[in-house]
Amino acid sequence: MKRDLISKVMSATLLGALFGWYVHHGYVTWNLRGRDAFIAYEMRRFDSYMAIPGPVLVNVISMALLAIGSWVVYEVIAYCLEAAMKGITSEKSTG
């Protein structure tokens, strides 16, 4: 049980760090491009997606799929970390 909890905490930390890096990368990119480029991009994005919103059902289904996909990635990372920790623990006990 302890190994399972540790692997889940490590998985959440890894995903949080990757998301933080992604957000930071976006800040750096827009800082280099400048304010006018950012505002032009957001205005184009608003005109394309927000001025004429899509159907509610499409948004709900796409967000549900995104949530399920994120959960699957989290669980796969946690499983891999748990398997790696199990292998390290068994090597120490037999060595």
PDB file of N, CA and C in Angstrom:
ATOM      1  N   MET A   1       0.823  -1.198   0.000  1.00  0.00           N
ATOM      2  CA  MET A   1       0.000   0.000   0.000  1.00  0.00           C
ATOM      3  C   MET A   1       0.860   1.252   0.000  1.00  0.00           C
ATOM      4  N   LYS A   2       1.944   1.241   0.782  1.00  0.00           N
ATOM      5  CA  LYS A   2       2.806   2.416   0.863  1.00  0.00           C
ATOM      6  C   LYS A   2       3.465   2.699  -0.488  1.00  0.00           C
ATOM      7  N   ARG A   3       3.890   1.639  -1.168  1.00  0.00           N
ATOM      8  CA  ARG A   3       4.525   1.810  -2.464  1.00  0.00           C
ATOM      9  C   ARG A   3       3.535   2.378  -3.477  1.00  0.00           C
ATOM     10  N   ASP A   4       2.278   1.944  -3.396  1.00  0.00           N
ATOM     11  CA  ASP A   4       1.245   2.455  -4.294  1.00  0.00           C
ATOM     12  C   ASP A   4       1.017   3.945  -4.059  1.00  0.00           C
ATOM     13  N   LEU A   5       0.954   4.358  -2.801  1.00  0.00           N
ATOM     14  CA  LEU A   5       0.753   5.768  -2.480  1.00  0.00           C
ATOM     15  C   LEU A   5       1.942   6.610  -2.949  1.00  0.00           C
ATOM     16  N   ILE A   6       3.140   6.127  -2.730  1.00  0.00           N
ATOM     17  CA  ILE A   6       4.344   6.857  -3.143  1.00  0.00           C
ATOM     18  C   ILE A   6       4.375   7.008  -4.662  1.00  0.00           C
ATOM     19  N   SER A   7       4.022   5.953  -5.391  1.00  0.00           N
ATOM     20  CA  SER A   7       4.045   6.041  -6.855  1.00  0.00           C
ATOM     21  C   SER A   7       2.981   7.015  -7.358  1.00  0.00           C
ATOM     22  N   LYS A   8       1.834   7.079  -6.703  1.00  0.00           N
ATOM     23  CA  LYS A   8       0.791   8.028  -7.119  1.00  0.00           C
ATOM     24  C   LYS A   8       1.209   9.467  -6.827  1.00  0.00           C
ATOM     25  N   VAL A   9       1.849   9.698  -5.695  1.00  0.00           N
ATOM     26  CA  VAL A   9       2.341  11.044  -5.375  1.00  0.00           C
ATOM     27  C   VAL A   9       3.430  11.450  -6.363  1.00  0.00           C
ATOM     28  N   MET A  10       4.333  10.528  -6.683  1.00  0.00           N
ATOM     29  CA  MET A  10       5.391  10.824  -7.644  1.00  0.00           C
ATOM     30  C   MET A  10       4.802  11.096  -9.035  1.00  0.00           C
ATOM     31  N   SER A  11       3.772  10.341  -9.413  1.00  0.00           N
ATOM     32  CA  SER A  11       3.126  10.550 -10.717  1.00  0.00           C
ATOM     33  C   SER A  11       2.461  11.918 -10.776  1.00  0.00           C
ATOM     34  N   ALA A  12       1.743  12.289  -9.719  1.00  0.00           N
ATOM     35  CA  ALA A  12       1.092  13.604  -9.681  1.00  0.00           C
ATOM     36  C   ALA A  12       2.132  14.715  -9.704  1.00  0.00           C
ATOM     37  N   THR A  13       3.238  14.539  -8.990  1.00  0.00           N
ATOM     38  CA  THR A  13       4.302  15.534  -8.979  1.00  0.00           C
ATOM     39  C   THR A  13       4.931  15.676 -10.364  1.00  0.00           C
ATOM     40  N   LEU A  14       5.172  14.565 -11.025  1.00  0.00           N
ATOM     41  CA  LEU A  14       5.746  14.599 -12.368  1.00  0.00           C
ATOM     42  C   LEU A  14       4.818  15.304 -13.352  1.00  0.00           C
ATOM     43  N   LEU A  15       3.534  14.962 -13.316  1.00  0.00           N
ATOM     44  CA  LEU A  15       2.587  15.606 -14.225  1.00  0.00           C
ATOM     45  C   LEU A  15       2.445  17.095 -13.903  1.00  0.00           C
ATOM     46  N   GLY A  16       2.460  17.453 -12.629  1.00  0.00           N
ATOM     47  CA  GLY A  16       2.401  18.859 -12.242  1.00  0.00           C
ATOM     48  C   GLY A  16       3.621  19.627 -12.723  1.00  0.00           C
ATOM     49  N   ALA A  17       4.783  19.008 -12.600  1.00  0.00           N
ATOM     50  CA  ALA A  17       6.011  19.655 -13.066  1.00  0.00           C
ATOM     51  C   ALA A  17       5.999  19.826 -14.586  1.00  0.00           C
ATOM     52  N   LEU A  18       5.533  18.822 -15.304  1.00  0.00           N
ATOM     53  CA  LEU A  18       5.449  18.931 -16.761  1.00  0.00           C
ATOM     54  C   LEU A  18       4.459  20.010 -17.179  1.00  0.00           C
ATOM     55  N   PHE A  19       3.321  20.108 -16.493  1.00  0.00           N
ATOM     56  CA  PHE A  19       2.348  21.147 -16.812  1.00  0.00           C
ATOM     57  C   PHE A  19       2.910  22.532 -16.487  1.00  0.00           C
ATOM     58  N   GLY A  20       3.621  22.645 -15.371  1.00  0.00           N
ATOM     59  CA  GLY A  20       4.257  23.908 -15.022  1.00  0.00           C
ATOM     60  C   GLY A  20       5.285  24.325 -16.060  1.00  0.00           C
ATOM     61  N   TRP A  21       6.065  23.363 -16.559  1.00  0.00           N
ATOM     62  CA  TRP A  21       7.036  23.659 -17.610  1.00  0.00           C
ATOM     63  C   TRP A  21       6.322  24.131 -18.876  1.00  0.00           C
ATOM     64  N   TYR A  22       5.211  23.493 -19.212  1.00  0.00           N
ATOM     65  CA  TYR A  22       4.447  23.868 -20.407  1.00  0.00           C
ATOM     66  C   TYR A  22       3.918  25.301 -20.286  1.00  0.00           C
ATOM     67  N   VAL A  23       3.378  25.654 -19.129  1.00  0.00           N
ATOM     68  CA  VAL A  23       2.862  27.008 -18.917  1.00  0.00           C
ATOM     69  C   VAL A  23       4.003  28.018 -18.983  1.00  0.00           C
ATOM     70  N   HIS A  24       5.126  27.702 -18.359  1.00  0.00           N
ATOM     71  CA  HIS A  24       6.283  28.598 -18.391  1.00  0.00           C
ATOM     72  C   HIS A  24       6.781  28.787 -19.827  1.00  0.00           C
ATOM     73  N   HIS A  25       6.798  27.714 -20.590  1.00  0.00           N
ATOM     74  CA  HIS A  25       7.220  27.791 -21.988  1.00  0.00           C
ATOM     75  C   HIS A  25       6.311  28.742 -22.766  1.00  0.00           C
ATOM     76  N   GLY A  26       5.006  28.685 -22.496  1.00  0.00           N
ATOM     77  CA  GLY A  26       4.073  29.599 -23.144  1.00  0.00           C
ATOM     78  C   GLY A  26       4.352  31.051 -22.781  1.00  0.00           C
ATOM     79  N   TYR A  27       4.643  31.292 -21.503  1.00  0.00           N
ATOM     80  CA  TYR A  27       4.971  32.660 -21.079  1.00  0.00           C
ATOM     81  C   TYR A  27       6.219  33.170 -21.780  1.00  0.00           C
ATOM     82  N   VAL A  28       7.238  32.329 -21.849  1.00  0.00           N
ATOM     83  CA  VAL A  28       8.497  32.739 -22.492  1.00  0.00           C
ATOM     84  C   VAL A  28       8.277  32.988 -23.986  1.00  0.00           C
ATOM     85  N   THR A  29       7.523  32.118 -24.625  1.00  0.00           N
ATOM     86  CA  THR A  29       7.259  32.268 -26.058  1.00  0.00           C
ATOM     87  C   THR A  29       6.544  33.582 -26.351  1.00  0.00           C
ATOM     88  N   TRP A  30       5.493  33.880 -25.590  1.00  0.00           N
ATOM     89  CA  TRP A  30       4.755  35.119 -25.844  1.00  0.00           C
ATOM     90  C   TRP A  30       5.541  36.340 -25.416  1.00  0.00           C
ATOM     91  N   ASN A  31       6.410  36.196 -24.449  1.00  0.00           N
ATOM     92  CA  ASN A  31       7.276  37.309 -24.074  1.00  0.00           C
ATOM     93  C   ASN A  31       8.223  37.655 -25.227  1.00  0.00           C
ATOM     94  N   LEU A  32       8.738  36.628 -25.903  1.00  0.00           N
ATOM     95  CA  LEU A  32       9.637  36.861 -27.031  1.00  0.00           C
ATOM     96  C   LEU A  32       8.893  37.435 -28.241  1.00  0.00           C
ATOM     97  N   ARG A  33       7.666  36.990 -28.459  1.00  0.00           N
ATOM     98  CA  ARG A  33       6.902  37.465 -29.616  1.00  0.00           C
ATOM     99  C   ARG A  33       6.370  38.886 -29.416  1.00  0.00           C
ATOM    100  N   GLY A  34       6.092  39.229 -28.187  1.00  0.00           N
ATOM    101  CA  GLY A  34       5.632  40.583 -27.895  1.00  0.00           C
ATOM    102  C   GLY A  34       4.135  40.672 -27.646  1.00  0.00           C
ATOM    103  N   ARG A  35       3.761  41.820 -27.087  1.00  0.00           N
ATOM    104  CA  ARG A  35       2.386  42.062 -26.695  1.00  0.00           C
ATOM    105  C   ARG A  35       1.441  42.103 -27.897  1.00  0.00           C
ATOM    106  N   ASP A  36       1.842  42.763 -28.947  1.00  0.00           N
ATOM    107  CA  ASP A  36       0.963  42.895 -30.116  1.00  0.00           C
ATOM    108  C   ASP A  36       0.663  41.539 -30.750  1.00  0.00           C
ATOM    109  N   ALA A  37       1.672  40.665 -30.817  1.00  0.00           N
ATOM    110  CA  ALA A  37       1.454  39.330 -31.378  1.00  0.00           C
ATOM    111  C   ALA A  37       0.505  38.530 -30.492  1.00  0.00           C
ATOM    112  N   PHE A  38       0.650  38.663 -29.180  1.00  0.00           N
ATOM    113  CA  PHE A  38      -0.228  37.940 -28.255  1.00  0.00           C
ATOM    114  C   PHE A  38      -1.671  38.410 -28.394  1.00  0.00           C
ATOM    115  N   ILE A  39      -1.862  39.726 -28.442  1.00  0.00           N
ATOM    116  CA  ILE A  39      -3.216  40.266 -28.560  1.00  0.00           C
ATOM    117  C   ILE A  39      -3.842  39.876 -29.896  1.00  0.00           C
ATOM    118  N   ALA A  40      -3.072  39.901 -30.967  1.00  0.00           N
ATOM    119  CA  ALA A  40      -3.588  39.493 -32.277  1.00  0.00           C
ATOM    120  C   ALA A  40      -3.996  38.019 -32.258  1.00  0.00           C
ATOM    121  N   TYR A  41      -3.180  37.175 -31.624  1.00  0.00           N
ATOM    122  CA  TYR A  41      -3.490  35.747 -31.523  1.00  0.00           C
ATOM    123  C   TYR A  41      -4.776  35.534 -30.733  1.00  0.00           C
ATOM    124  N   GLU A  42      -4.917  36.215 -29.604  1.00  0.00           N
ATOM    125  CA  GLU A  42      -6.108  36.048 -28.780  1.00  0.00           C
ATOM    126  C   GLU A  42      -7.351  36.573 -29.485  1.00  0.00           C
ATOM    127  N   MET A  43      -7.227  37.678 -30.228  1.00  0.00           N
ATOM    128  CA  MET A  43      -8.381  38.193 -30.979  1.00  0.00           C
ATOM    129  C   MET A  43      -8.812  37.207 -32.057  1.00  0.00           C
ATOM    130  N   ARG A  44      -7.857  36.607 -32.747  1.00  0.00           N
ATOM    131  CA  ARG A  44      -8.168  35.608 -33.767  1.00  0.00           C
ATOM    132  C   ARG A  44      -8.810  34.376 -33.122  1.00  0.00           C
ATOM    133  N   ARG A  45      -8.297  33.979 -31.965  1.00  0.00           N
ATOM    134  CA  ARG A  45      -8.850  32.829 -31.242  1.00  0.00           C
ATOM    135  C   ARG A  45     -10.285  33.118 -30.783  1.00  0.00           C
ATOM    136  N   PHE A  46     -10.509  34.322 -30.289  1.00  0.00           N
ATOM    137  CA  PHE A  46     -11.853  34.704 -29.868  1.00  0.00           C
ATOM    138  C   PHE A  46     -12.822  34.670 -31.047  1.00  0.00           C
ATOM    139  N   ASP A  47     -12.409  35.237 -32.163  1.00  0.00           N
ATOM    140  CA  ASP A  47     -13.279  35.264 -33.346  1.00  0.00           C
ATOM    141  C   ASP A  47     -13.575  33.855 -33.865  1.00  0.00           C
ATOM    142  N   SER A  48     -12.611  32.950 -33.743  1.00  0.00           N
ATOM    143  CA  SER A  48     -12.792  31.599 -34.274  1.00  0.00           C
ATOM    144  C   SER A  48     -13.620  30.708 -33.365  1.00  0.00           C
ATOM    145  N   TYR A  49     -13.413  30.794 -32.052  1.00  0.00           N
ATOM    146  CA  TYR A  49     -14.010  29.818 -31.148  1.00  0.00           C
ATOM    147  C   TYR A  49     -15.045  30.385 -30.183  1.00  0.00           C
ATOM    148  N   MET A  50     -14.890  31.612 -29.740  1.00  0.00           N
ATOM    149  CA  MET A  50     -15.736  32.109 -28.661  1.00  0.00           C
ATOM    150  C   MET A  50     -16.876  32.994 -29.126  1.00  0.00           C
ATOM    151  N   ALA A  51     -16.720  33.674 -30.226  1.00  0.00           N
ATOM    152  CA  ALA A  51     -17.789  34.526 -30.732  1.00  0.00           C
ATOM    153  C   ALA A  51     -18.972  33.681 -31.203  1.00  0.00           C
ATOM    154  N   ILE A  52     -18.672  32.520 -31.774  1.00  0.00           N
ATOM    155  CA  ILE A  52     -19.709  31.584 -32.219  1.00  0.00           C
ATOM    156  C   ILE A  52     -19.408  30.237 -31.553  1.00  0.00           C
ATOM    157  N   PRO A  53     -19.908  30.020 -30.328  1.00  0.00           N
ATOM    158  CA  PRO A  53     -19.571  28.783 -29.618  1.00  0.00           C
ATOM    159  C   PRO A  53     -20.181  27.553 -30.288  1.00  0.00           C
ATOM    160  N   GLY A  54     -19.507  26.435 -30.098  1.00  0.00           N
ATOM    161  CA  GLY A  54     -19.998  25.177 -30.645  1.00  0.00           C
ATOM    162  C   GLY A  54     -21.102  24.620 -29.758  1.00  0.00           C
ATOM    163  N   PRO A  55     -21.666  23.504 -30.159  1.00  0.00           N
ATOM    164  CA  PRO A  55     -22.730  22.877 -29.370  1.00  0.00           C
ATOM    165  C   PRO A  55     -22.223  22.445 -27.990  1.00  0.00           C
ATOM    166  N   VAL A  56     -23.103  22.519 -27.016  1.00  0.00           N
ATOM    167  CA  VAL A  56     -22.741  22.159 -25.642  1.00  0.00           C
ATOM    168  C   VAL A  56     -22.321  20.699 -25.571  1.00  0.00           C
ATOM    169  N   LEU A  57     -23.019  19.834 -26.275  1.00  0.00           N
ATOM    170  CA  LEU A  57     -22.721  18.405 -26.222  1.00  0.00           C
ATOM    171  C   LEU A  57     -21.294  18.117 -26.697  1.00  0.00           C
ATOM    172  N   VAL A  58     -20.844  18.806 -27.719  1.00  0.00           N
ATOM    173  CA  VAL A  58     -19.476  18.618 -28.221  1.00  0.00           C
ATOM    174  C   VAL A  58     -18.468  19.034 -27.151  1.00  0.00           C
ATOM    175  N   ASN A  59     -18.715  20.154 -26.493  1.00  0.00           N
ATOM    176  CA  ASN A  59     -17.807  20.608 -25.435  1.00  0.00           C
ATOM    177  C   ASN A  59     -17.780  19.637 -24.263  1.00  0.00           C
ATOM    178  N   VAL A  60     -18.943  19.146 -23.853  1.00  0.00           N
ATOM    179  CA  VAL A  60     -19.015  18.219 -22.728  1.00  0.00           C
ATOM    180  C   VAL A  60     -18.294  16.914 -23.059  1.00  0.00           C
ATOM    181  N   ILE A  61     -18.537  16.383 -24.236  1.00  0.00           N
ATOM    182  CA  ILE A  61     -17.897  15.117 -24.630  1.00  0.00           C
ATOM    183  C   ILE A  61     -16.390  15.289 -24.767  1.00  0.00           C
ATOM    184  N   SER A  62     -15.944  16.380 -25.373  1.00  0.00           N
ATOM    185  CA  SER A  62     -14.499  16.564 -25.548  1.00  0.00           C
ATOM    186  C   SER A  62     -13.803  16.755 -24.192  1.00  0.00           C
ATOM    187  N   MET A  63     -14.426  17.457 -23.265  1.00  0.00           N
ATOM    188  CA  MET A  63     -13.815  17.626 -21.938  1.00  0.00           C
ATOM    189  C   MET A  63     -13.827  16.320 -21.158  1.00  0.00           C
ATOM    190  N   ALA A  64     -14.870  15.509 -21.325  1.00  0.00           N
ATOM    191  CA  ALA A  64     -14.908  14.201 -20.667  1.00  0.00           C
ATOM    192  C   ALA A  64     -13.795  13.307 -21.217  1.00  0.00           C
ATOM    193  N   LEU A  65     -13.598  13.324 -22.521  1.00  0.00           N
ATOM    194  CA  LEU A  65     -12.515  12.530 -23.116  1.00  0.00           C
ATOM    195  C   LEU A  65     -11.148  13.026 -22.657  1.00  0.00           C
ATOM    196  N   LEU A  66     -10.991  14.332 -22.543  1.00  0.00           N
ATOM    197  CA  LEU A  66      -9.733  14.886 -22.037  1.00  0.00           C
ATOM    198  C   LEU A  66      -9.486  14.453 -20.595  1.00  0.00           C
ATOM    199  N   ALA A  67     -10.520  14.480 -19.763  1.00  0.00           N
ATOM    200  CA  ALA A  67     -10.379  14.058 -18.371  1.00  0.00           C
ATOM    201  C   ALA A  67     -10.030  12.570 -18.278  1.00  0.00           C
ATOM    202  N   ILE A  68     -10.687  11.753 -19.068  1.00  0.00           N
ATOM    203  CA  ILE A  68     -10.392  10.314 -19.061  1.00  0.00           C
ATOM    204  C   ILE A  68      -8.971  10.063 -19.560  1.00  0.00           C
ATOM    205  N   GLY A  69      -8.573  10.759 -20.613  1.00  0.00           N
ATOM    206  CA  GLY A  69      -7.211  10.602 -21.127  1.00  0.00           C
ATOM    207  C   GLY A  69      -6.170  11.021 -20.102  1.00  0.00           C
ATOM    208  N   SER A  70      -6.420  12.112 -19.392  1.00  0.00           N
ATOM    209  CA  SER A  70      -5.486  12.560 -18.348  1.00  0.00           C
ATOM    210  C   SER A  70      -5.398  11.537 -17.229  1.00  0.00           C
ATOM    211  N   TRP A  71      -6.539  10.978 -16.850  1.00  0.00           N
ATOM    212  CA  TRP A  71      -6.546   9.961 -15.797  1.00  0.00           C
ATOM    213  C   TRP A  71      -5.775   8.713 -16.238  1.00  0.00           C
ATOM    214  N   VAL A  72      -5.939   8.305 -17.489  1.00  0.00           N
ATOM    215  CA  VAL A  72      -5.229   7.126 -18.001  1.00  0.00           C
ATOM    216  C   VAL A  72      -3.717   7.370 -17.984  1.00  0.00           C
ATOM    217  N   VAL A  73      -3.290   8.551 -18.427  1.00  0.00           N
ATOM    218  CA  VAL A  73      -1.858   8.868 -18.417  1.00  0.00           C
ATOM    219  C   VAL A  73      -1.319   8.843 -16.986  1.00  0.00           C
ATOM    220  N   TYR A  74      -2.061   9.431 -16.056  1.00  0.00           N
ATOM    221  CA  TYR A  74      -1.667   9.438 -14.644  1.00  0.00           C
ATOM    222  C   TYR A  74      -1.523   8.019 -14.108  1.00  0.00           C
ATOM    223  N   GLU A  75      -2.503   7.170 -14.373  1.00  0.00           N
ATOM    224  CA  GLU A  75      -2.459   5.798 -13.862  1.00  0.00           C
ATOM    225  C   GLU A  75      -1.334   4.980 -14.504  1.00  0.00           C
ATOM    226  N   VAL A  76      -1.067   5.200 -15.789  1.00  0.00           N
ATOM    227  CA  VAL A  76       0.025   4.476 -16.452  1.00  0.00           C
ATOM    228  C   VAL A  76       1.370   4.877 -15.845  1.00  0.00           C
ATOM    229  N   ILE A  77       1.560   6.167 -15.614  1.00  0.00           N
ATOM    230  CA  ILE A  77       2.806   6.628 -14.989  1.00  0.00           C
ATOM    231  C   ILE A  77       2.928   6.063 -13.585  1.00  0.00           C
ATOM    232  N   ALA A  78       1.839   6.087 -12.810  1.00  0.00           N
ATOM    233  CA  ALA A  78       1.869   5.542 -11.449  1.00  0.00           C
ATOM    234  C   ALA A  78       2.176   4.048 -11.463  1.00  0.00           C
ATOM    235  N   TYR A  79       1.593   3.316 -12.407  1.00  0.00           N
ATOM    236  CA  TYR A  79       1.854   1.872 -12.511  1.00  0.00           C
ATOM    237  C   TYR A  79       3.315   1.603 -12.852  1.00  0.00           C
ATOM    238  N   CYS A  80       3.862   2.365 -13.796  1.00  0.00           N
ATOM    239  CA  CYS A  80       5.266   2.182 -14.182  1.00  0.00           C
ATOM    240  C   CYS A  80       6.206   2.501 -13.018  1.00  0.00           C
ATOM    241  N   LEU A  81       5.906   3.571 -12.294  1.00  0.00           N
ATOM    242  CA  LEU A  81       6.738   3.907 -11.137  1.00  0.00           C
ATOM    243  C   LEU A  81       6.641   2.844 -10.054  1.00  0.00           C
ATOM    244  N   GLU A  82       5.438   2.321  -9.830  1.00  0.00           N
ATOM    245  CA  GLU A  82       5.278   1.265  -8.833  1.00  0.00           C
ATOM    246  C   GLU A  82       6.043   0.008  -9.236  1.00  0.00           C
ATOM    247  N   ALA A  83       5.986  -0.342 -10.514  1.00  0.00           N
ATOM    248  CA  ALA A  83       6.723  -1.520 -10.999  1.00  0.00           C
ATOM    249  C   ALA A  83       8.228  -1.302 -10.868  1.00  0.00           C
ATOM    250  N   ALA A  84       8.696  -0.094 -11.156  1.00  0.00           N
ATOM    251  CA  ALA A  84      10.120   0.197 -11.032  1.00  0.00           C
ATOM    252  C   ALA A  84      10.554   0.140  -9.573  1.00  0.00           C
ATOM    253  N   MET A  85       9.721   0.660  -8.678  1.00  0.00           N
ATOM    254  CA  MET A  85      10.064   0.617  -7.252  1.00  0.00           C
ATOM    255  C   MET A  85      10.024  -0.805  -6.722  1.00  0.00           C
ATOM    256  N   LYS A  86       9.112  -1.624  -7.239  1.00  0.00           N
ATOM    257  CA  LYS A  86       9.039  -3.018  -6.826  1.00  0.00           C
ATOM    258  C   LYS A  86      10.314  -3.750  -7.257  1.00  0.00           C
ATOM    259  N   GLY A  87      10.804  -3.439  -8.476  1.00  0.00           N
ATOM    260  CA  GLY A  87      12.026  -4.063  -8.968  1.00  0.00           C
ATOM    261  C   GLY A  87      13.245  -3.644  -8.155  1.00  0.00           C
ATOM    262  N   ILE A  88      13.313  -2.373  -7.764  1.00  0.00           N
ATOM    263  CA  ILE A  88      14.427  -1.889  -6.952  1.00  0.00           C
ATOM    264  C   ILE A  88      14.385  -2.518  -5.574  1.00  0.00           C
ATOM    265  N   THR A  89      13.201  -2.639  -4.992  1.00  0.00           N
ATOM    266  CA  THR A  89      13.055  -3.236  -3.660  1.00  0.00           C
ATOM    267  C   THR A  89      13.445  -4.698  -3.672  1.00  0.00           C
ATOM    268  N   SER A  90      13.023  -5.446  -4.708  1.00  0.00           N
ATOM    269  CA  SER A  90      13.341  -6.869  -4.769  1.00  0.00           C
ATOM    270  C   SER A  90      14.834  -7.084  -5.035  1.00  0.00           C
ATOM    271  N   GLU A  91      15.484  -6.191  -5.772  1.00  0.00           N
ATOM    272  CA  GLU A  91      16.925  -6.322  -6.004  1.00  0.00           C
ATOM    273  C   GLU A  91      17.703  -6.108  -4.716  1.00  0.00           C
ATOM    274  N   LYS A  92      17.289  -5.151  -3.889  1.00  0.00           N
ATOM    275  CA  LYS A  92      17.966  -4.888  -2.625  1.00  0.00           C
ATOM    276  C   LYS A  92      17.806  -6.056  -1.664  1.00  0.00           C
ATOM    277  N   SER A  93      16.624  -6.665  -1.634  1.00  0.00           N
ATOM    278  CA  SER A  93      16.370  -7.753  -0.692  1.00  0.00           C
ATOM    279  C   SER A  93      17.100  -9.028  -1.102  1.00  0.00           C
ATOM    280  N   THR A  94      17.320  -9.256  -2.418  1.00  0.00           N
ATOM    281  CA  THR A  94      18.001 -10.468  -2.850  1.00  0.00           C
ATOM    282  C   THR A  94      19.512 -10.279  -2.905  1.00  0.00           C
ATOM    283  N   GLY A  95      19.965  -9.018  -2.957  1.00  0.00           N
ATOM    284  CA  GLY A  95      21.392  -8.727  -3.105  1.00  0.00           C
ATOM    285  C   GLY A  95      22.071  -8.775  -1.824  1.00  0.00           C
TER     286      GLY A  95
END
